[in-house]
Structure formats: C-alpha cells, structure tokens
C-alpha cells in the first residue's frame, strides 16, 4: 500500500505501546538525575 502521512503518528504509536513510552521516560529521568547528581557533587 501507499504510505500516507498521519497527524500525531508518533503519539498514536506511543499510546499503542505505552510500556515503551514509560521505559523511555524512565531512561530520560534517570539520565537527567544522574547528570544533575554529578554536577551538584
């Protein structure tokens, strides 16, 4: 089939794979926390 552009495609993908979004957010939060902890010490 032909590819077609859909609005909020990534949003719908994340809603379908909510666990993936949670893992991604957890990774970002942990990375920022680690950087902040390093800078503050």
C-alpha atoms as a PDB file:
ATOM      1  CA  UNK A   1       0.000   0.000   0.000  1.00  0.00           C
ATOM      2  CA  UNK A   2       0.964   3.605  -0.447  1.00  0.00           C
ATOM      3  CA  UNK A   3       2.416   5.406   2.536  1.00  0.00           C
ATOM      4  CA  UNK A   4       0.315   8.285   3.777  1.00  0.00           C
ATOM      5  CA  UNK A   5       1.075  10.962   6.341  1.00  0.00           C
ATOM      6  CA  UNK A   6      -0.998  10.821   9.503  1.00  0.00           C
ATOM      7  CA  UNK A   7      -1.086  13.539  12.129  1.00  0.00           C
ATOM      8  CA  UNK A   8       0.227  12.595  15.555  1.00  0.00           C
ATOM      9  CA  UNK A   9       1.542   9.304  14.168  1.00  0.00           C
ATOM     10  CA  UNK A  10       4.147   9.002  16.920  1.00  0.00           C
ATOM     11  CA  UNK A  11       1.579   9.897  19.582  1.00  0.00           C
ATOM     12  CA  UNK A  12      -0.678   7.050  18.455  1.00  0.00           C
ATOM     13  CA  UNK A  13       2.286   4.673  18.343  1.00  0.00           C
ATOM     14  CA  UNK A  14       3.228   5.585  21.915  1.00  0.00           C
ATOM     15  CA  UNK A  15      -0.371   5.125  23.072  1.00  0.00           C
ATOM     16  CA  UNK A  16      -0.372   1.667  21.468  1.00  0.00           C
ATOM     17  CA  UNK A  17       2.998   0.897  23.077  1.00  0.00           C
ATOM     18  CA  UNK A  18       2.538   2.713  26.387  1.00  0.00           C
ATOM     19  CA  UNK A  19       5.106   0.470  28.098  1.00  0.00           C
ATOM     20  CA  UNK A  20       7.724   1.654  25.613  1.00  0.00           C
ATOM     21  CA  UNK A  21       6.897   5.277  26.478  1.00  0.00           C
ATOM     22  CA  UNK A  22       7.240   4.510  30.198  1.00  0.00           C
ATOM     23  CA  UNK A  23      10.657   2.910  29.642  1.00  0.00           C
ATOM     24  CA  UNK A  24      11.760   5.877  27.516  1.00  0.00           C
ATOM     25  CA  UNK A  25      10.604   8.428  30.109  1.00  0.00           C
ATOM     26  CA  UNK A  26      12.238   6.451  32.920  1.00  0.00           C
ATOM     27  CA  UNK A  27      15.503   6.423  30.977  1.00  0.00           C
ATOM     28  CA  UNK A  28      15.376  10.177  30.374  1.00  0.00           C
ATOM     29  CA  UNK A  29      14.566  10.913  34.022  1.00  0.00           C
ATOM     30  CA  UNK A  30      17.348   8.648  35.286  1.00  0.00           C
ATOM     31  CA  UNK A  31      19.839  10.158  32.847  1.00  0.00           C
ATOM     32  CA  UNK A  32      18.964  13.726  33.878  1.00  0.00           C
ATOM     33  CA  UNK A  33      19.052  12.753  37.557  1.00  0.00           C
ATOM     34  CA  UNK A  34      22.484  11.193  37.117  1.00  0.00           C
ATOM     35  CA  UNK A  35      23.805  14.289  35.334  1.00  0.00           C
ATOM     36  CA  UNK A  36      22.359  16.634  37.965  1.00  0.00           C
ATOM     37  CA  UNK A  37      23.757  14.473  40.785  1.00  0.00           C
ATOM     38  CA  UNK A  38      27.200  14.562  39.157  1.00  0.00           C
ATOM     39  CA  UNK A  39      27.124  18.332  38.645  1.00  0.00           C
ATOM     40  CA  UNK A  40      25.925  19.067  42.184  1.00  0.00           C
ATOM     41  CA  UNK A  41      28.554  16.968  43.929  1.00  0.00           C
END
